[in-house]
Amino acid sequence: MNEFLGNGIEPVLLGAGLTLAGVVAGWLIATLSQKVAGRSVQRGASALEARQLAVRSVIALDDFVGACHAAVNDTAEFNPADPTEFVFHAEDPRLFLPRDAEWIVMKPDIAEQLLWMPNRIRNVLDGLDSLDFVPPGFDDLFERREEDFSRLGIHALDLIETISSEYAVPKPERPSYYDPRQDFQGRIDRILAARSRRRQAGFVLKDDEDSNVTSLFPKRRREPAPSALDADPKG
């Protein structure tokens, strides 16, 4: 045995072992580096996808804000031959979220708030359609419509602020004379103040009292708008 070891085999085996260890270590380092690089690429891709989805969501929300603003500034027109018939000029606001979105790339709380928006809208439309449109007060339909769409518009603006801050997305640019948040809040404040005054005085809203109406024509009941869920955000 001593002769075998003394023939220089031991250094050879040691060298081979060291070489093998070097090869294994190199393979491990290369594999680890590839995994780290792959994860970095995936994180970069996910961040880009999240930001692109954030931009698309902000655009959809801003369109919805514009629709809410048009609705609250709408004036119902009545049929002079039949005071129970009226028509709105602006369509009910609808939110069109991206249909092909992978919402998992966004932060869960933000994605959930976006996905809940169509339900919020649908509940407001259902609530308005549940009112009894009986003159002269029409169950406060015009006032409630203005208030509800103002609140939805403010909620959409809040979501735009959140998404823009989280994903460094530019906020929509608007002319200096167009401030939907200020308009929405001003309308809500006026409605709440008028409602409080009527309650204190024991009055019921009349056709010609703080209501958003003029005279012209047709529609016995407000036609229900297509569901806000038609644009299914889950594709």
C-alpha atoms as a PDB file:
ATOM      1  CA  MET A   1       0.000   0.000   0.000  1.00  0.00           C
ATOM      2  CA  ASN A   2       2.819   2.352   0.909  1.00  0.00           C
ATOM      3  CA  GLU A   3       4.493   1.569  -2.402  1.00  0.00           C
ATOM      4  CA  PHE A   4       1.265   2.379  -4.260  1.00  0.00           C
ATOM      5  CA  LEU A   5       0.941   5.737  -2.522  1.00  0.00           C
ATOM      6  CA  GLY A   6       4.606   6.417  -2.987  1.00  0.00           C
ATOM      7  CA  ASN A   7       4.345   6.096  -6.747  1.00  0.00           C
ATOM      8  CA  GLY A   8       2.830   9.625  -7.131  1.00  0.00           C
ATOM      9  CA  ILE A   9      -0.754   8.461  -7.378  1.00  0.00           C
ATOM     10  CA  GLU A  10      -1.837  10.472  -4.354  1.00  0.00           C
ATOM     11  CA  PRO A  11      -0.987  13.880  -5.878  1.00  0.00           C
ATOM     12  CA  VAL A  12      -2.721  12.840  -9.073  1.00  0.00           C
ATOM     13  CA  LEU A  13      -5.896  11.894  -7.234  1.00  0.00           C
ATOM     14  CA  LEU A  14      -5.746  15.096  -5.205  1.00  0.00           C
ATOM     15  CA  GLY A  15      -5.346  17.148  -8.347  1.00  0.00           C
ATOM     16  CA  ALA A  16      -8.237  15.360 -10.012  1.00  0.00           C
ATOM     17  CA  GLY A  17     -10.401  15.968  -6.986  1.00  0.00           C
ATOM     18  CA  LEU A  18      -9.532  19.620  -6.960  1.00  0.00           C
ATOM     19  CA  THR A  19     -10.264  19.884 -10.672  1.00  0.00           C
ATOM     20  CA  LEU A  20     -13.638  18.194 -10.216  1.00  0.00           C
ATOM     21  CA  ALA A  21     -14.450  20.474  -7.308  1.00  0.00           C
ATOM     22  CA  GLY A  22     -13.565  23.471  -9.462  1.00  0.00           C
ATOM     23  CA  VAL A  23     -15.790  22.251 -12.273  1.00  0.00           C
ATOM     24  CA  VAL A  24     -18.713  21.663  -9.888  1.00  0.00           C
ATOM     25  CA  ALA A  25     -18.206  25.057  -8.239  1.00  0.00           C
ATOM     26  CA  GLY A  26     -18.109  26.741 -11.624  1.00  0.00           C
ATOM     27  CA  TRP A  27     -21.307  24.998 -12.693  1.00  0.00           C
ATOM     28  CA  LEU A  28     -23.044  25.992  -9.471  1.00  0.00           C
ATOM     29  CA  ILE A  29     -21.965  29.616  -9.842  1.00  0.00           C
ATOM     30  CA  ALA A  30     -23.055  29.735 -13.496  1.00  0.00           C
ATOM     31  CA  THR A  31     -26.419  28.152 -12.667  1.00  0.00           C
ATOM     32  CA  LEU A  32     -26.990  30.524  -9.781  1.00  0.00           C
ATOM     33  CA  SER A  33     -26.052  33.502 -11.953  1.00  0.00           C
ATOM     34  CA  GLN A  34     -28.487  32.387 -14.652  1.00  0.00           C
ATOM     35  CA  LYS A  35     -31.292  32.036 -12.105  1.00  0.00           C
ATOM     36  CA  VAL A  36     -30.563  35.446 -10.621  1.00  0.00           C
ATOM     37  CA  ALA A  37     -30.458  36.995 -14.107  1.00  0.00           C
ATOM     38  CA  GLY A  38     -33.674  35.230 -15.058  1.00  0.00           C
ATOM     39  CA  ARG A  39     -35.426  36.502 -11.953  1.00  0.00           C
ATOM     40  CA  SER A  40     -34.188  40.023 -12.641  1.00  0.00           C
ATOM     41  CA  VAL A  41     -35.564  39.854 -16.184  1.00  0.00           C
ATOM     42  CA  GLN A  42     -38.895  38.530 -14.869  1.00  0.00           C
ATOM     43  CA  ARG A  43     -39.084  41.292 -12.279  1.00  0.00           C
ATOM     44  CA  GLY A  44     -38.288  43.857 -14.946  1.00  0.00           C
ATOM     45  CA  ALA A  45     -40.941  42.438 -17.276  1.00  0.00           C
ATOM     46  CA  SER A  46     -43.525  42.347 -14.476  1.00  0.00           C
ATOM     47  CA  ALA A  47     -42.746  45.952 -13.520  1.00  0.00           C
ATOM     48  CA  LEU A  48     -43.150  47.049 -17.146  1.00  0.00           C
ATOM     49  CA  GLU A  49     -46.429  45.147 -17.510  1.00  0.00           C
ATOM     50  CA  ALA A  50     -47.715  46.661 -14.267  1.00  0.00           C
ATOM     51  CA  ARG A  51     -46.866  50.174 -15.410  1.00  0.00           C
ATOM     52  CA  GLN A  52     -48.463  49.668 -18.825  1.00  0.00           C
ATOM     53  CA  LEU A  53     -51.619  48.342 -17.171  1.00  0.00           C
ATOM     54  CA  ALA A  54     -51.544  51.293 -14.790  1.00  0.00           C
ATOM     55  CA  VAL A  55     -51.448  53.713 -17.750  1.00  0.00           C
ATOM     56  CA  ARG A  56     -54.382  51.950 -19.440  1.00  0.00           C
ATOM     57  CA  SER A  57     -56.349  51.957 -16.183  1.00  0.00           C
ATOM     58  CA  VAL A  58     -55.742  55.677 -15.607  1.00  0.00           C
ATOM     59  CA  ILE A  59     -56.943  56.460 -19.138  1.00  0.00           C
ATOM     60  CA  ALA A  60     -60.100  54.360 -18.607  1.00  0.00           C
ATOM     61  CA  LEU A  61     -60.767  56.051 -15.262  1.00  0.00           C
ATOM     62  CA  ASP A  62     -60.249  59.513 -16.740  1.00  0.00           C
ATOM     63  CA  ASP A  63     -62.748  58.731 -19.511  1.00  0.00           C
ATOM     64  CA  PHE A  64     -65.182  57.671 -16.792  1.00  0.00           C
ATOM     65  CA  VAL A  65     -64.589  60.938 -14.912  1.00  0.00           C
ATOM     66  CA  GLY A  66     -65.480  62.826 -18.082  1.00  0.00           C
ATOM     67  CA  ALA A  67     -68.677  60.794 -18.465  1.00  0.00           C
ATOM     68  CA  CYS A  68     -69.638  61.517 -14.844  1.00  0.00           C
ATOM     69  CA  HIS A  69     -69.005  65.219 -15.383  1.00  0.00           C
ATOM     70  CA  ALA A  70     -71.233  65.216 -18.457  1.00  0.00           C
ATOM     71  CA  ALA A  71     -73.973  63.403 -16.532  1.00  0.00           C
ATOM     72  CA  VAL A  72     -74.004  65.756 -13.545  1.00  0.00           C
ATOM     73  CA  ASN A  73     -74.126  68.747 -15.890  1.00  0.00           C
ATOM     74  CA  ASP A  74     -76.965  67.226 -17.886  1.00  0.00           C
ATOM     75  CA  THR A  75     -80.404  68.789 -17.726  1.00  0.00           C
ATOM     76  CA  ALA A  76     -83.454  66.591 -18.059  1.00  0.00           C
ATOM     77  CA  GLU A  77     -86.035  67.833 -20.556  1.00  0.00           C
ATOM     78  CA  PHE A  78     -89.755  67.267 -20.119  1.00  0.00           C
ATOM     79  CA  ASN A  79     -92.572  66.657 -22.532  1.00  0.00           C
ATOM     80  CA  PRO A  80     -94.838  69.700 -22.145  1.00  0.00           C
ATOM     81  CA  ALA A  81     -97.793  67.510 -23.097  1.00  0.00           C
ATOM     82  CA  ASP A  82     -97.036  64.966 -20.372  1.00  0.00           C
ATOM     83  CA  PRO A  83     -95.091  66.045 -17.259  1.00  0.00           C
ATOM     84  CA  THR A  84     -94.324  62.404 -16.420  1.00  0.00           C
ATOM     85  CA  GLU A  85     -92.141  62.035 -19.538  1.00  0.00           C
ATOM     86  CA  PHE A  86     -88.555  63.273 -19.585  1.00  0.00           C
ATOM     87  CA  VAL A  87     -85.247  62.553 -21.248  1.00  0.00           C
ATOM     88  CA  PHE A  88     -81.569  62.910 -20.333  1.00  0.00           C
ATOM     89  CA  HIS A  89     -79.100  63.954 -22.993  1.00  0.00           C
ATOM     90  CA  ALA A  90     -75.973  62.435 -21.447  1.00  0.00           C
ATOM     91  CA  GLU A  91     -75.695  58.664 -21.222  1.00  0.00           C
ATOM     92  CA  ASP A  92     -75.134  56.980 -17.887  1.00  0.00           C
ATOM     93  CA  PRO A  93     -71.384  56.846 -17.158  1.00  0.00           C
ATOM     94  CA  ARG A  94     -69.694  53.520 -17.853  1.00  0.00           C
ATOM     95  CA  LEU A  95     -66.196  52.313 -17.075  1.00  0.00           C
ATOM     96  CA  PHE A  96     -64.349  50.291 -19.708  1.00  0.00           C
ATOM     97  CA  LEU A  97     -61.454  48.537 -17.999  1.00  0.00           C
ATOM     98  CA  PRO A  98     -58.915  46.651 -20.169  1.00  0.00           C
ATOM     99  CA  ARG A  99     -60.451  43.298 -21.091  1.00  0.00           C
ATOM    100  CA  ASP A 100     -57.129  41.501 -21.602  1.00  0.00           C
ATOM    101  CA  ALA A 101     -55.550  42.679 -18.351  1.00  0.00           C
ATOM    102  CA  GLU A 102     -53.419  40.437 -16.152  1.00  0.00           C
ATOM    103  CA  TRP A 103     -54.430  42.068 -12.881  1.00  0.00           C
ATOM    104  CA  ILE A 104     -52.000  39.890 -10.930  1.00  0.00           C
ATOM    105  CA  VAL A 105     -49.117  42.151 -12.031  1.00  0.00           C
ATOM    106  CA  MET A 106     -50.591  45.049 -10.043  1.00  0.00           C
ATOM    107  CA  LYS A 107     -50.634  45.420  -6.286  1.00  0.00           C
ATOM    108  CA  PRO A 108     -53.617  43.430  -4.919  1.00  0.00           C
ATOM    109  CA  ASP A 109     -55.295  46.361  -3.151  1.00  0.00           C
ATOM    110  CA  ILE A 110     -55.147  48.553  -6.265  1.00  0.00           C
ATOM    111  CA  ALA A 111     -56.318  45.758  -8.578  1.00  0.00           C
ATOM    112  CA  GLU A 112     -59.224  44.994  -6.227  1.00  0.00           C
ATOM    113  CA  GLN A 113     -60.321  48.632  -6.119  1.00  0.00           C
ATOM    114  CA  LEU A 114     -60.363  48.722  -9.917  1.00  0.00           C
ATOM    115  CA  LEU A 115     -62.286  45.455 -10.186  1.00  0.00           C
ATOM    116  CA  TRP A 116     -64.885  46.700  -7.699  1.00  0.00           C
ATOM    117  CA  MET A 117     -65.592  49.862  -9.709  1.00  0.00           C
ATOM    118  CA  PRO A 118     -68.036  48.304 -12.221  1.00  0.00           C
ATOM    119  CA  ASN A 119     -70.017  46.916  -9.286  1.00  0.00           C
ATOM    120  CA  ARG A 120     -70.152  50.355  -7.650  1.00  0.00           C
ATOM    121  CA  ILE A 121     -71.446  51.852 -10.890  1.00  0.00           C
ATOM    122  CA  ARG A 122     -74.022  49.110 -11.403  1.00  0.00           C
ATOM    123  CA  ASN A 123     -75.353  49.554  -7.855  1.00  0.00           C
ATOM    124  CA  VAL A 124     -75.799  53.296  -8.386  1.00  0.00           C
ATOM    125  CA  LEU A 125     -77.660  52.709 -11.666  1.00  0.00           C
ATOM    126  CA  ASP A 126     -79.835  50.054 -10.031  1.00  0.00           C
ATOM    127  CA  GLY A 127     -80.546  52.403  -7.143  1.00  0.00           C
ATOM    128  CA  LEU A 128     -81.622  55.218  -9.468  1.00  0.00           C
ATOM    129  CA  ASP A 129     -83.806  52.848 -11.488  1.00  0.00           C
ATOM    130  CA  SER A 130     -85.512  51.715  -8.282  1.00  0.00           C
ATOM    131  CA  LEU A 131     -86.890  55.206  -7.583  1.00  0.00           C
ATOM    132  CA  ASP A 132     -90.524  56.085  -8.272  1.00  0.00           C
ATOM    133  CA  PHE A 133     -90.435  58.736 -10.972  1.00  0.00           C
ATOM    134  CA  VAL A 134     -93.650  60.429  -9.898  1.00  0.00           C
ATOM    135  CA  PRO A 135     -94.070  64.189 -10.381  1.00  0.00           C
ATOM    136  CA  PRO A 136     -93.623  66.728  -9.050  1.00  0.00           C
ATOM    137  CA  GLY A 137     -90.608  65.563  -6.994  1.00  0.00           C
ATOM    138  CA  PHE A 138     -89.756  62.405  -8.991  1.00  0.00           C
ATOM    139  CA  ASP A 139     -88.466  60.850  -5.748  1.00  0.00           C
ATOM    140  CA  ASP A 140     -85.496  63.268  -5.832  1.00  0.00           C
ATOM    141  CA  LEU A 141     -84.194  61.441  -8.935  1.00  0.00           C
ATOM    142  CA  PHE A 142     -82.416  64.448 -10.451  1.00  0.00           C
ATOM    143  CA  GLU A 143     -80.729  65.427  -7.221  1.00  0.00           C
ATOM    144  CA  ARG A 144     -79.710  61.864  -6.363  1.00  0.00           C
ATOM    145  CA  ARG A 145     -78.373  61.273  -9.884  1.00  0.00           C
ATOM    146  CA  GLU A 146     -76.230  64.380  -9.674  1.00  0.00           C
ATOM    147  CA  GLU A 147     -74.910  63.468  -6.225  1.00  0.00           C
ATOM    148  CA  ASP A 148     -74.239  59.786  -6.965  1.00  0.00           C
ATOM    149  CA  PHE A 149     -72.369  60.432 -10.205  1.00  0.00           C
ATOM    150  CA  SER A 150     -70.363  63.168  -8.484  1.00  0.00           C
ATOM    151  CA  ARG A 151     -69.304  60.705  -5.785  1.00  0.00           C
ATOM    152  CA  LEU A 152     -68.385  58.087  -8.378  1.00  0.00           C
ATOM    153  CA  GLY A 153     -66.347  60.701 -10.236  1.00  0.00           C
ATOM    154  CA  ILE A 154     -64.457  61.638  -7.061  1.00  0.00           C
ATOM    155  CA  HIS A 155     -63.775  57.976  -6.329  1.00  0.00           C
ATOM    156  CA  ALA A 156     -62.350  57.532  -9.827  1.00  0.00           C
ATOM    157  CA  LEU A 157     -60.167  60.622  -9.355  1.00  0.00           C
ATOM    158  CA  ASP A 158     -58.875  59.203  -6.062  1.00  0.00           C
ATOM    159  CA  LEU A 159     -57.982  55.962  -7.834  1.00  0.00           C
ATOM    160  CA  ILE A 160     -56.137  57.902 -10.528  1.00  0.00           C
ATOM    161  CA  GLU A 161     -54.123  59.648  -7.802  1.00  0.00           C
ATOM    162  CA  THR A 162     -53.281  56.318  -6.139  1.00  0.00           C
ATOM    163  CA  ILE A 163     -52.234  54.579  -9.363  1.00  0.00           C
ATOM    164  CA  SER A 164     -50.229  57.570 -10.614  1.00  0.00           C
ATOM    165  CA  SER A 165     -48.325  57.752  -7.338  1.00  0.00           C
ATOM    166  CA  GLU A 166     -47.691  53.998  -7.074  1.00  0.00           C
ATOM    167  CA  TYR A 167     -46.528  53.430 -10.663  1.00  0.00           C
ATOM    168  CA  ALA A 168     -45.079  56.865 -11.509  1.00  0.00           C
ATOM    169  CA  VAL A 169     -47.721  57.357 -14.193  1.00  0.00           C
ATOM    170  CA  PRO A 170     -48.344  60.961 -15.343  1.00  0.00           C
ATOM    171  CA  LYS A 171     -51.719  62.317 -14.322  1.00  0.00           C
ATOM    172  CA  PRO A 172     -54.155  63.316 -17.061  1.00  0.00           C
ATOM    173  CA  GLU A 173     -53.633  66.855 -18.317  1.00  0.00           C
ATOM    174  CA  ARG A 174     -56.657  69.145 -18.230  1.00  0.00           C
ATOM    175  CA  PRO A 175     -57.291  72.777 -19.174  1.00  0.00           C
ATOM    176  CA  SER A 176     -56.962  75.189 -16.266  1.00  0.00           C
ATOM    177  CA  TYR A 177     -60.673  75.983 -16.434  1.00  0.00           C
ATOM    178  CA  TYR A 178     -61.719  72.332 -16.154  1.00  0.00           C
ATOM    179  CA  ASP A 179     -61.520  70.937 -12.619  1.00  0.00           C
ATOM    180  CA  PRO A 180     -63.935  68.008 -12.294  1.00  0.00           C
ATOM    181  CA  ARG A 181     -63.049  67.313  -8.650  1.00  0.00           C
ATOM    182  CA  GLN A 182     -63.923  70.850  -7.632  1.00  0.00           C
ATOM    183  CA  ASP A 183     -67.160  70.699  -9.608  1.00  0.00           C
ATOM    184  CA  PHE A 184     -68.141  67.312  -8.149  1.00  0.00           C
ATOM    185  CA  GLN A 185     -67.430  68.396  -4.584  1.00  0.00           C
ATOM    186  CA  GLY A 186     -69.200  71.710  -5.051  1.00  0.00           C
ATOM    187  CA  ARG A 187     -72.334  69.947  -6.276  1.00  0.00           C
ATOM    188  CA  ILE A 188     -72.294  67.478  -3.383  1.00  0.00           C
ATOM    189  CA  ASP A 189     -71.900  70.311  -0.883  1.00  0.00           C
ATOM    190  CA  ARG A 190     -74.796  72.278  -2.423  1.00  0.00           C
ATOM    191  CA  ILE A 191     -77.052  69.224  -2.500  1.00  0.00           C
ATOM    192  CA  LEU A 192     -76.306  68.303   1.111  1.00  0.00           C
ATOM    193  CA  ALA A 193     -76.911  71.910   2.206  1.00  0.00           C
ATOM    194  CA  ALA A 194     -80.223  72.102   0.305  1.00  0.00           C
ATOM    195  CA  ARG A 195     -81.299  68.729   1.699  1.00  0.00           C
ATOM    196  CA  SER A 196     -80.497  69.877   5.209  1.00  0.00           C
ATOM    197  CA  ARG A 197     -82.490  73.077   4.758  1.00  0.00           C
ATOM    198  CA  ARG A 198     -85.491  71.168   3.443  1.00  0.00           C
ATOM    199  CA  ARG A 199     -85.325  68.695   6.288  1.00  0.00           C
ATOM    200  CA  GLN A 200     -85.223  71.480   8.875  1.00  0.00           C
ATOM    201  CA  ALA A 201     -88.122  73.260   7.198  1.00  0.00           C
ATOM    202  CA  GLY A 202     -90.104  70.056   6.681  1.00  0.00           C
ATOM    203  CA  PHE A 203     -90.210  70.541   2.911  1.00  0.00           C
ATOM    204  CA  VAL A 204     -90.269  67.877   0.200  1.00  0.00           C
ATOM    205  CA  LEU A 205     -88.352  68.526  -3.026  1.00  0.00           C
ATOM    206  CA  LYS A 206     -90.695  70.013  -5.636  1.00  0.00           C
ATOM    207  CA  ASP A 207     -90.411  70.005  -9.395  1.00  0.00           C
ATOM    208  CA  ASP A 208     -89.277  73.648  -9.477  1.00  0.00           C
ATOM    209  CA  GLU A 209     -87.134  73.592  -6.342  1.00  0.00           C
ATOM    210  CA  ASP A 210     -83.397  72.876  -6.725  1.00  0.00           C
ATOM    211  CA  SER A 211     -84.160  70.221  -9.320  1.00  0.00           C
ATOM    212  CA  ASN A 212     -82.094  69.824 -12.462  1.00  0.00           C
ATOM    213  CA  VAL A 213     -84.921  69.999 -15.034  1.00  0.00           C
ATOM    214  CA  THR A 214     -86.435  72.061 -17.860  1.00  0.00           C
ATOM    215  CA  SER A 215     -89.242  71.223 -20.278  1.00  0.00           C
ATOM    216  CA  LEU A 216     -89.337  69.227 -23.501  1.00  0.00           C
ATOM    217  CA  PHE A 217     -90.049  65.545 -24.162  1.00  0.00           C
ATOM    218  CA  PRO A 218     -90.173  61.810 -24.263  1.00  0.00           C
ATOM    219  CA  LYS A 219     -89.485  59.017 -21.815  1.00  0.00           C
ATOM    220  CA  ARG A 220     -91.880  57.749 -19.216  1.00  0.00           C
ATOM    221  CA  ARG A 221     -89.119  56.061 -17.275  1.00  0.00           C
ATOM    222  CA  ARG A 222     -85.394  56.378 -17.550  1.00  0.00           C
ATOM    223  CA  GLU A 223     -84.208  53.622 -19.833  1.00  0.00           C
ATOM    224  CA  PRO A 224     -81.751  51.384 -17.965  1.00  0.00           C
ATOM    225  CA  ALA A 225     -78.216  51.760 -19.305  1.00  0.00           C
ATOM    226  CA  PRO A 226     -76.237  48.733 -20.484  1.00  0.00           C
ATOM    227  CA  SER A 227     -74.498  47.075 -17.587  1.00  0.00           C
ATOM    228  CA  ALA A 228     -71.177  48.536 -16.525  1.00  0.00           C
ATOM    229  CA  LEU A 229     -70.057  44.926 -16.351  1.00  0.00           C
ATOM    230  CA  ASP A 230     -70.415  44.531 -20.133  1.00  0.00           C
ATOM    231  CA  ALA A 231     -66.774  45.508 -20.344  1.00  0.00           C
ATOM    232  CA  ASP A 232     -65.695  42.551 -18.238  1.00  0.00           C
ATOM    233  CA  PRO A 233     -62.309  43.487 -16.705  1.00  0.00           C
ATOM    234  CA  LYS A 234     -61.384  39.813 -16.428  1.00  0.00           C
ATOM    235  CA  GLY A 235     -61.732  39.294 -20.196  1.00  0.00           C
END
